[in-house]
Amino acid sequence: MYSFIEVKAKDIDDFSKVDEKGHIFQTSGWSNVKKDWVPRYIAGHDIHGNMVLSCMMILRKIPYTSHYIGYAPRGFVCDYTNKELLIEFTEYLRDFAKNNKIAFITIDPDLHLKEDEKIVEGGEKISNFLQTLGYEHKDSVNFEGIQPNFVFRLDLPVDEDKEAIKKKVFKNFSSKTRYNIRVAEDRGLSAEYYDKSNLTEEILDEFYKIMVVTGKRDNFIIRNKDYFRDMLELLSPYCRLYMIKYSYEKDFERLSDKLKKQEDTKTRALSKIEEVKKDLQSEEDEAKIEKLNKKLQDNENKLREAERQIEGFKNRMEDIKPYEGKEFYISGAIYLYYGGKAWYLYGASDDLLRDAMPNFLMQYTMICHSIDLGCNLYDFRGVSGDLSPENPLYGLYKFKKGFNGKFVEFLGEFDLVINRGLYSMFRYIFPKFKEIRNKLRNK
């Protein structure tokens, strides 16, 4: 037997911070960010008075009606294998919805259905049980849901030295990902992060400028700048803005050093070639002639490779000449952490200098900082569930896969329907309106 009551925000924040399935989206901080929604905080207790469930639900008016929709993002938080608890809380939610004119309540629990395309034990049973309780299941392959249904998640060890963990995690990345991180570091990119304590309007403007570029390039609607400011202020200290900076001076210095090394290699190769040619002119022993010819071929190969590299570095130096004397930001990200978990939430990258691999350095920096913060999980967030190389989103999948996290499919969305007519209107008519609106905003 369980009891359910509305509680203070701190109660649900504290529970979500320590529970295995807690989530920052199930905190009052997240409800504060959603200013157009009305938050309600509900807790469940067992007969001993122990808190066993928390639910941060946000409500929003359905246009032209007196009713609301309810949404518990990535929640509610509890032990979903406890059938009695689910049964009783669902009945409570039905009464709560009727008393508060809520037409339907959507939940999308932080529960895995599959990991690396293999069924997770218990996930399917929970999904089926929720449906027997009257929840209507919705699934998505791309990004049709409120939250992405497919993500990459990287487990982080917590019982070792943090620097050792970072080395181990880096070693587990794909060879291409490790290479691209080194390219970013080699190109002189540097990472900075900002939170409420040091955020400036200038930095926020820089991030938003890059976000606008990203939205136009990838054809998606972006939030307004105030939304990101609200996140950084209202979720403090659990929200950070990461920015990757490019420095012409560092890049030019690196290229100059590499160019000099290849020019030295070319000089040595030319000298060796001349030496070997002289030796060949005076040598009569066939065995020695064969060795000298091999030596000559090796040095000619070194010469060709050095010349190829020299041409490449000179071309690169010419390419970056427009940025001479400049430093500027080329990518950014919004990052959240809470209760031992971290999430990459929003990302932006400029069209400039994409070959410098800023997004690889940004992800690696956020992973390292998650380790420093004692997190046991880093969530790369959404990818498509359609793994066909022809899918336009396949590149995003390949990028995140290179960090060697688990490819996770969540249970999906579940709707507890109270008012069938309003639910049907919202589900089938409102999406058409939203689609038209988005097309207009994209023009």
Protein backbone atom coordinates (compact mmCIF):
# COMPACT_ATOMS: atom_id res chain seq x y z
CA MET A 1 0.00 0.00 0.00
CA TYR A 2 1.43 3.35 -1.07
CA SER A 3 0.43 6.97 -0.55
CA PHE A 4 0.90 9.84 -2.99
CA ILE A 5 0.94 13.57 -2.25
CA GLU A 6 2.15 16.79 -3.79
CA VAL A 7 5.41 17.87 -2.19
CA LYS A 8 7.99 20.65 -2.28
CA ALA A 9 10.39 20.96 -5.20
CA LYS A 10 13.37 20.08 -3.00
CA ASP A 11 11.85 16.68 -2.17
CA ILE A 12 11.71 15.54 -5.78
CA ASP A 13 15.12 17.12 -6.54
CA ASP A 14 16.76 15.19 -3.70
CA PHE A 15 15.14 11.90 -4.73
CA SER A 16 16.10 12.26 -8.40
CA LYS A 17 19.67 13.04 -7.37
CA VAL A 18 20.19 9.71 -5.60
CA ASP A 19 17.85 7.29 -7.37
CA GLU A 20 19.37 5.06 -10.05
CA LYS A 21 16.83 6.28 -12.61
CA GLY A 22 16.91 9.93 -11.54
CA HIS A 23 17.20 12.50 -14.29
CA ILE A 24 17.82 16.25 -14.44
CA PHE A 25 14.62 16.52 -16.49
CA GLN A 26 12.81 15.27 -13.38
CA THR A 27 13.92 18.23 -11.25
CA SER A 28 12.44 21.60 -10.39
CA GLY A 29 15.34 23.25 -12.22
CA TRP A 30 14.12 21.80 -15.49
CA SER A 31 10.52 22.83 -14.76
CA ASN A 32 11.77 26.38 -14.12
CA VAL A 33 13.32 26.42 -17.60
CA LYS A 34 9.94 25.46 -19.10
CA LYS A 35 8.35 28.81 -18.32
CA ASP A 36 5.24 28.22 -20.45
CA TRP A 37 4.36 25.16 -18.36
CA VAL A 38 2.99 24.86 -14.82
CA PRO A 39 4.95 22.44 -12.61
CA ARG A 40 3.48 19.94 -10.14
CA TYR A 41 5.64 17.85 -7.83
CA ILE A 42 4.37 14.47 -6.63
CA ALA A 43 5.97 11.93 -4.30
CA GLY A 44 5.07 8.37 -3.40
CA HIS A 45 5.78 6.82 0.03
CA ASP A 46 5.59 3.29 1.34
CA ILE A 47 3.87 2.29 4.61
CA HIS A 48 7.05 3.15 6.54
CA GLY A 49 7.08 6.68 5.19
CA ASN A 50 10.05 6.08 2.87
CA MET A 51 9.95 7.98 -0.41
CA VAL A 52 9.87 5.47 -3.27
CA LEU A 53 8.70 7.59 -6.22
CA SER A 54 9.03 11.12 -7.52
CA CYS A 55 7.27 12.78 -10.40
CA MET A 56 7.91 16.25 -11.78
CA MET A 57 5.00 16.90 -14.11
CA ILE A 58 4.57 20.02 -16.20
CA LEU A 59 1.16 21.16 -17.44
CA ARG A 60 0.23 23.27 -20.43
CA LYS A 61 -3.14 24.54 -21.60
CA ILE A 62 -4.56 23.02 -24.76
CA PRO A 63 -5.41 26.01 -26.99
CA TYR A 64 -9.06 27.10 -26.98
CA THR A 65 -10.00 24.70 -24.17
CA SER A 66 -10.04 24.66 -20.38
CA HIS A 67 -7.97 21.46 -20.26
CA TYR A 68 -4.27 20.74 -19.98
CA ILE A 69 -1.75 18.25 -21.25
CA GLY A 70 0.60 16.74 -18.67
CA TYR A 71 4.15 15.66 -19.31
CA ALA A 72 6.64 13.94 -16.99
CA PRO A 73 9.92 14.21 -18.94
CA ARG A 74 12.06 11.07 -18.59
CA GLY A 75 9.90 10.08 -15.67
CA PHE A 76 8.38 9.37 -13.33
CA VAL A 77 11.31 8.10 -11.19
CA CYS A 78 10.81 4.81 -9.36
CA ASP A 79 11.43 1.07 -9.46
CA TYR A 80 9.45 0.05 -12.55
CA THR A 81 9.67 -3.61 -11.61
CA ASN A 82 7.43 -2.87 -8.60
CA LYS A 83 4.07 -3.68 -10.19
CA GLU A 84 2.02 -2.77 -7.13
CA LEU A 85 3.60 0.68 -7.04
CA LEU A 86 2.90 1.23 -10.76
CA ILE A 87 -0.71 0.11 -10.40
CA GLU A 88 -1.43 2.38 -7.45
CA PHE A 89 0.37 5.39 -8.89
CA THR A 90 -1.44 5.02 -12.21
CA GLU A 91 -4.78 5.10 -10.39
CA TYR A 92 -3.61 8.17 -8.50
CA LEU A 93 -2.62 9.83 -11.79
CA ARG A 94 -6.06 9.16 -13.26
CA ASP A 95 -7.75 10.87 -10.32
CA PHE A 96 -5.15 13.66 -10.33
CA ALA A 97 -5.76 14.26 -14.04
CA LYS A 98 -9.56 14.37 -13.64
CA ASN A 99 -9.35 16.75 -10.69
CA ASN A 100 -6.97 19.07 -12.56
CA LYS A 101 -8.61 18.94 -16.01
CA ILE A 102 -5.67 17.14 -17.61
CA ALA A 103 -6.70 15.50 -20.89
CA PHE A 104 -3.75 13.11 -20.99
CA ILE A 105 -0.36 12.57 -19.38
CA THR A 106 2.74 11.61 -21.38
CA ILE A 107 5.71 9.82 -19.85
CA ASP A 108 8.94 8.64 -21.52
CA PRO A 109 10.84 6.75 -18.79
CA ASP A 110 14.61 6.54 -18.71
CA LEU A 111 14.43 2.79 -19.29
CA HIS A 112 16.31 0.80 -21.94
CA LEU A 113 14.47 -1.50 -24.31
CA LYS A 114 17.61 -2.43 -26.23
CA GLU A 115 21.36 -1.92 -25.94
CA ASP A 116 23.44 -2.36 -29.09
CA GLU A 117 20.30 -3.73 -30.77
CA LYS A 118 19.88 -6.52 -28.19
CA ILE A 119 16.81 -6.73 -25.94
CA VAL A 120 17.48 -5.67 -22.35
CA GLU A 121 16.10 -8.11 -19.85
CA GLY A 122 12.98 -6.69 -18.26
CA GLY A 123 12.57 -3.70 -20.61
CA GLU A 124 9.95 -5.33 -22.81
CA LYS A 125 8.08 -6.66 -19.76
CA ILE A 126 7.83 -3.17 -18.27
CA SER A 127 6.58 -1.79 -21.59
CA ASN A 128 3.92 -4.48 -21.84
CA PHE A 129 2.86 -4.01 -18.23
CA LEU A 130 2.45 -0.26 -18.65
CA GLN A 131 0.19 -0.95 -21.62
CA THR A 132 -1.93 -3.36 -19.57
CA LEU A 133 -2.43 -0.49 -17.10
CA GLY A 134 -3.91 1.60 -19.91
CA TYR A 135 -0.89 3.55 -21.14
CA GLU A 136 -0.91 3.91 -24.91
CA HIS A 137 2.49 3.29 -26.44
CA LYS A 138 4.13 5.52 -29.07
CA ASP A 139 7.44 4.73 -30.74
CA SER A 140 9.75 6.71 -33.01
CA VAL A 141 12.70 5.95 -35.26
CA ASN A 142 14.14 9.41 -35.88
CA PHE A 143 13.19 12.41 -33.74
CA GLU A 144 9.39 12.26 -33.83
CA GLY A 145 9.04 12.01 -30.05
CA ILE A 146 9.40 14.68 -27.39
CA GLN A 147 12.72 13.15 -26.35
CA PRO A 148 15.00 11.14 -28.67
CA ASN A 149 14.19 7.44 -28.54
CA PHE A 150 17.69 6.38 -29.61
CA VAL A 151 20.89 7.65 -27.97
CA PHE A 152 24.49 6.71 -27.35
CA ARG A 153 25.48 6.32 -23.71
CA LEU A 154 29.00 5.90 -22.41
CA ASP A 155 29.51 4.15 -19.07
CA LEU A 156 32.27 5.78 -16.99
CA PRO A 157 34.19 3.92 -14.27
CA VAL A 158 34.17 5.66 -10.89
CA ASP A 159 36.30 3.41 -8.69
CA GLU A 160 39.69 4.30 -10.18
CA ASP A 161 42.05 7.24 -10.44
CA LYS A 162 40.40 9.88 -12.64
CA GLU A 163 43.40 10.35 -14.93
CA ALA A 164 43.61 6.57 -15.37
CA ILE A 165 39.91 6.51 -16.27
CA LYS A 166 40.43 9.20 -18.91
CA LYS A 167 43.26 7.22 -20.50
CA LYS A 168 41.21 4.04 -20.49
CA VAL A 169 38.16 5.77 -21.99
CA PHE A 170 40.26 7.45 -24.68
CA LYS A 171 41.88 4.14 -25.59
CA ASN A 172 38.42 2.62 -26.13
CA PHE A 173 37.43 5.23 -28.72
CA SER A 174 37.70 4.16 -32.35
CA SER A 175 41.06 4.82 -33.99
CA LYS A 176 39.44 7.44 -36.25
CA THR A 177 37.93 9.27 -33.27
CA ARG A 178 41.25 9.27 -31.41
CA TYR A 179 42.94 10.60 -34.55
CA ASN A 180 40.38 13.39 -34.96
CA ILE A 181 40.77 14.46 -31.32
CA ARG A 182 44.52 14.69 -31.87
CA VAL A 183 43.93 16.67 -35.08
CA ALA A 184 41.84 19.19 -33.13
CA GLU A 185 44.51 19.53 -30.45
CA ASP A 186 47.19 19.73 -33.13
CA ARG A 187 45.37 22.50 -34.95
CA GLY A 188 45.59 24.66 -31.85
CA LEU A 189 41.95 24.39 -30.78
CA SER A 190 41.19 24.98 -27.12
CA ALA A 191 38.12 24.33 -24.98
CA GLU A 192 36.48 26.78 -22.57
CA TYR A 193 33.41 26.38 -20.42
CA TYR A 194 31.03 28.85 -18.84
CA ASP A 195 28.27 28.62 -16.27
CA LYS A 196 26.22 31.14 -14.32
CA SER A 197 29.30 32.34 -12.43
CA ASN A 198 31.31 33.50 -15.46
CA LEU A 199 28.89 33.67 -18.41
CA THR A 200 28.95 36.94 -20.34
CA GLU A 201 26.53 38.28 -22.90
CA GLU A 202 29.35 38.28 -25.44
CA ILE A 203 29.97 34.55 -25.01
CA LEU A 204 26.25 33.77 -25.20
CA ASP A 205 26.04 35.83 -28.39
CA GLU A 206 28.95 33.87 -29.89
CA PHE A 207 27.26 30.56 -29.09
CA TYR A 208 23.93 31.70 -30.47
CA LYS A 209 25.54 32.98 -33.66
CA ILE A 210 27.00 29.51 -34.28
CA MET A 211 23.68 27.90 -33.35
CA VAL A 212 21.92 29.96 -36.05
CA VAL A 213 24.48 28.77 -38.63
CA THR A 214 23.90 25.17 -37.56
CA GLY A 215 20.13 25.47 -37.73
CA LYS A 216 20.23 26.84 -41.28
CA ARG A 217 22.74 24.23 -42.43
CA ASP A 218 20.97 21.24 -40.88
CA ASN A 219 17.45 22.59 -41.38
CA PHE A 220 16.08 22.59 -37.84
CA ILE A 221 14.30 25.18 -35.71
CA ILE A 222 16.47 26.66 -32.95
CA ARG A 223 15.47 27.98 -29.55
CA ASN A 224 15.74 31.69 -28.86
CA LYS A 225 18.82 33.01 -27.08
CA ASP A 226 16.93 33.68 -23.83
CA TYR A 227 16.15 29.97 -23.54
CA PHE A 228 19.84 29.09 -23.36
CA ARG A 229 20.46 31.92 -20.90
CA ASP A 230 17.62 30.60 -18.72
CA MET A 231 19.11 27.12 -18.77
CA LEU A 232 22.50 28.34 -17.63
CA GLU A 233 21.01 30.48 -14.87
CA LEU A 234 18.10 28.33 -13.64
CA LEU A 235 19.92 24.98 -13.77
CA SER A 236 23.04 26.35 -12.08
CA PRO A 237 25.42 24.83 -11.16
CA TYR A 238 24.38 21.81 -13.23
CA CYS A 239 24.47 23.47 -16.64
CA ARG A 240 27.53 24.55 -18.61
CA LEU A 241 28.22 26.13 -21.98
CA TYR A 242 31.29 24.70 -23.73
CA MET A 243 33.01 26.67 -26.48
CA ILE A 244 35.83 25.61 -28.80
CA LYS A 245 38.18 28.40 -29.87
CA TYR A 246 40.40 28.53 -32.93
CA SER A 247 43.70 30.45 -32.81
CA TYR A 248 45.43 31.38 -36.07
CA GLU A 249 48.71 31.94 -34.24
CA LYS A 250 48.71 28.42 -32.75
CA ASP A 251 47.66 26.83 -36.03
CA PHE A 252 50.27 28.73 -38.06
CA GLU A 253 53.00 27.91 -35.54
CA ARG A 254 52.14 24.21 -35.68
CA LEU A 255 52.11 24.21 -39.48
CA SER A 256 55.41 26.10 -39.59
CA ASP A 257 57.05 23.55 -37.29
CA LYS A 258 55.76 20.66 -39.38
CA LEU A 259 56.81 22.35 -42.60
CA LYS A 260 60.34 22.85 -41.28
CA LYS A 261 60.58 19.19 -40.21
CA GLN A 262 59.55 18.03 -43.67
CA GLU A 263 61.96 20.45 -45.34
CA ASP A 264 64.73 19.04 -43.12
CA THR A 265 63.63 15.53 -44.10
CA LYS A 266 63.74 16.53 -47.77
CA THR A 267 67.25 17.97 -47.36
CA ARG A 268 68.49 14.79 -45.66
CA ALA A 269 66.88 12.59 -48.31
CA LEU A 270 68.48 14.58 -51.15
CA SER A 271 71.86 14.34 -49.44
CA LYS A 272 71.51 10.58 -48.97
CA ILE A 273 70.47 10.13 -52.59
CA GLU A 274 73.59 11.94 -53.79
CA GLU A 275 75.79 9.82 -51.50
CA VAL A 276 74.24 6.55 -52.69
CA LYS A 277 74.55 7.55 -56.36
CA LYS A 278 78.29 8.26 -55.88
CA ASP A 279 78.75 4.91 -54.14
CA LEU A 280 76.94 3.15 -56.97
CA GLN A 281 79.29 4.65 -59.55
CA SER A 282 82.34 3.09 -57.90
CA GLU A 283 80.80 -0.17 -56.63
CA GLU A 284 81.29 -3.45 -58.53
CA ASP A 285 80.09 -6.04 -56.00
CA GLU A 286 76.57 -7.13 -57.09
CA ALA A 287 75.33 -7.79 -53.54
CA LYS A 288 76.41 -4.32 -52.41
CA ILE A 289 74.92 -2.78 -55.54
CA GLU A 290 71.59 -4.41 -54.69
CA LYS A 291 71.71 -3.00 -51.16
CA LEU A 292 72.64 0.46 -52.47
CA ASN A 293 69.74 0.39 -54.94
CA LYS A 294 67.38 -0.53 -52.11
CA LYS A 295 68.79 2.36 -50.05
CA LEU A 296 68.38 4.67 -53.03
CA GLN A 297 64.75 3.63 -53.50
CA ASP A 298 64.00 4.12 -49.79
CA ASN A 299 65.39 7.65 -49.82
CA GLU A 300 63.60 8.52 -53.05
CA ASN A 301 60.36 7.39 -51.38
CA LYS A 302 61.18 9.58 -48.36
CA LEU A 303 61.85 12.48 -50.70
CA ARG A 304 58.52 12.07 -52.50
CA GLU A 305 56.62 11.81 -49.21
CA ALA A 306 58.39 14.89 -47.80
CA GLU A 307 57.56 16.87 -50.96
CA ARG A 308 53.93 15.75 -50.73
CA GLN A 309 53.76 16.83 -47.08
CA ILE A 310 55.50 20.15 -47.82
CA GLU A 311 52.96 20.94 -50.54
CA GLY A 312 50.11 20.01 -48.19
CA PHE A 313 51.37 22.21 -45.35
CA LYS A 314 51.94 25.15 -47.70
CA ASN A 315 48.40 24.77 -49.03
CA ARG A 316 47.06 24.66 -45.46
CA MET A 317 48.98 27.81 -44.56
CA GLU A 318 47.46 29.50 -47.59
CA ASP A 319 43.97 28.28 -46.60
CA ILE A 320 44.17 29.80 -43.12
CA LYS A 321 45.64 33.10 -44.29
CA PRO A 322 42.20 34.84 -44.13
CA TYR A 323 42.23 34.22 -40.36
CA GLU A 324 45.65 35.77 -39.79
CA GLY A 325 45.90 37.42 -36.37
CA LYS A 326 42.47 36.18 -35.30
CA GLU A 327 40.98 34.02 -32.57
CA PHE A 328 37.32 33.01 -32.73
CA TYR A 329 34.86 30.33 -31.65
CA ILE A 330 33.88 27.61 -34.11
CA SER A 331 31.72 25.28 -32.02
CA GLY A 332 29.75 25.12 -28.79
CA ALA A 333 27.54 22.89 -26.66
CA ILE A 334 25.11 22.96 -23.76
CA TYR A 335 26.01 20.33 -21.16
CA LEU A 336 24.08 19.12 -18.11
CA TYR A 337 25.09 16.97 -15.16
CA TYR A 338 23.15 15.75 -12.12
CA GLY A 339 23.16 12.82 -9.76
CA GLY A 340 26.19 11.09 -11.28
CA LYS A 341 25.00 11.46 -14.89
CA ALA A 342 25.92 13.91 -17.67
CA TRP A 343 24.15 14.88 -20.89
CA TYR A 344 25.20 16.61 -24.09
CA LEU A 345 22.03 18.56 -24.82
CA TYR A 346 22.57 21.07 -27.64
CA GLY A 347 25.42 21.41 -30.08
CA ALA A 348 26.44 24.02 -32.63
CA SER A 349 29.29 24.21 -35.14
CA ASP A 350 30.30 26.87 -37.63
CA ASP A 351 30.84 26.19 -41.33
CA LEU A 352 34.40 27.46 -40.95
CA LEU A 353 37.34 25.13 -40.22
CA ARG A 354 35.27 21.97 -39.89
CA ASP A 355 38.38 20.03 -40.94
CA ALA A 356 39.92 21.07 -37.59
CA MET A 357 37.51 18.59 -35.92
CA PRO A 358 36.21 20.91 -33.16
CA ASN A 359 33.25 18.69 -32.26
CA PHE A 360 35.51 15.75 -31.46
CA LEU A 361 37.53 17.87 -29.03
CA MET A 362 34.34 19.28 -27.52
CA GLN A 363 32.88 15.83 -26.82
CA TYR A 364 36.16 14.57 -25.40
CA THR A 365 36.46 17.62 -23.13
CA MET A 366 32.93 17.13 -21.80
CA ILE A 367 33.60 13.43 -21.20
CA CYS A 368 36.79 14.25 -19.27
CA HIS A 369 34.96 16.84 -17.17
CA SER A 370 32.19 14.29 -16.48
CA ILE A 371 34.87 12.00 -15.10
CA ASP A 372 36.24 14.86 -12.96
CA LEU A 373 32.71 15.42 -11.61
CA GLY A 374 32.42 11.76 -10.61
CA CYS A 375 29.75 10.89 -13.17
CA ASN A 376 29.18 7.23 -14.04
CA LEU A 377 27.35 7.95 -17.31
CA TYR A 378 27.78 10.32 -20.26
CA ASP A 379 24.79 10.60 -22.58
CA PHE A 380 25.47 11.77 -26.16
CA ARG A 381 21.70 12.12 -26.66
CA GLY A 382 19.84 11.60 -29.90
CA VAL A 383 20.62 9.65 -33.04
CA SER A 384 18.34 8.02 -35.57
CA GLY A 385 17.17 4.45 -35.09
CA ASP A 386 17.35 3.97 -38.87
CA LEU A 387 20.92 2.78 -39.36
CA SER A 388 20.83 2.77 -43.14
CA PRO A 389 23.84 4.61 -44.63
CA GLU A 390 21.35 6.33 -46.96
CA ASN A 391 19.64 7.99 -43.97
CA PRO A 392 20.60 11.72 -43.88
CA LEU A 393 21.18 11.32 -40.12
CA TYR A 394 23.64 8.43 -40.54
CA GLY A 395 26.64 10.77 -40.22
CA LEU A 396 25.47 11.79 -36.74
CA TYR A 397 25.22 8.10 -35.79
CA LYS A 398 28.76 7.39 -37.05
CA PHE A 399 30.18 10.42 -35.22
CA LYS A 400 28.74 9.38 -31.85
CA LYS A 401 29.41 5.68 -32.38
CA GLY A 402 33.13 6.44 -32.65
CA PHE A 403 33.23 7.20 -28.91
CA ASN A 404 32.30 3.55 -28.27
CA GLY A 405 29.23 4.08 -26.10
CA LYS A 406 26.20 1.81 -26.00
CA PHE A 407 23.60 2.31 -28.72
CA VAL A 408 20.44 2.56 -26.60
CA GLU A 409 16.79 2.32 -27.55
CA PHE A 410 14.41 3.58 -24.85
CA LEU A 411 10.97 2.16 -24.15
CA GLY A 412 9.41 5.15 -25.90
CA GLU A 413 6.48 7.37 -25.00
CA PHE A 414 3.36 6.31 -23.11
CA ASP A 415 0.15 8.33 -22.90
CA LEU A 416 -2.34 7.93 -20.07
CA VAL A 417 -5.51 9.18 -21.77
CA ILE A 418 -8.29 10.75 -19.72
CA ASN A 419 -10.20 12.74 -22.35
CA ARG A 420 -10.26 10.78 -25.60
CA GLY A 421 -11.66 13.61 -27.76
CA LEU A 422 -9.07 16.18 -26.73
CA TYR A 423 -6.32 13.58 -26.96
CA SER A 424 -7.24 12.72 -30.54
CA MET A 425 -7.37 16.38 -31.48
CA PHE A 426 -3.97 17.08 -29.97
CA ARG A 427 -2.30 13.98 -31.37
CA TYR A 428 -3.61 14.10 -34.94
CA ILE A 429 -4.56 17.71 -35.65
CA PHE A 430 -1.94 19.66 -33.68
CA PRO A 431 1.05 17.92 -35.38
CA LYS A 432 -0.24 19.10 -38.76
CA PHE A 433 -0.40 22.67 -37.45
CA LYS A 434 3.11 22.30 -36.02
CA GLU A 435 4.43 21.00 -39.35
CA ILE A 436 2.98 23.97 -41.24
CA ARG A 437 4.37 26.39 -38.65
CA ASN A 438 7.86 24.90 -38.89
CA LYS A 439 7.84 25.12 -42.69
CA LEU A 440 6.92 28.79 -42.48
CA ARG A 441 9.64 29.49 -39.90
CA ASN A 442 12.25 27.78 -42.07
CA LYS A 443 11.62 30.13 -45.00
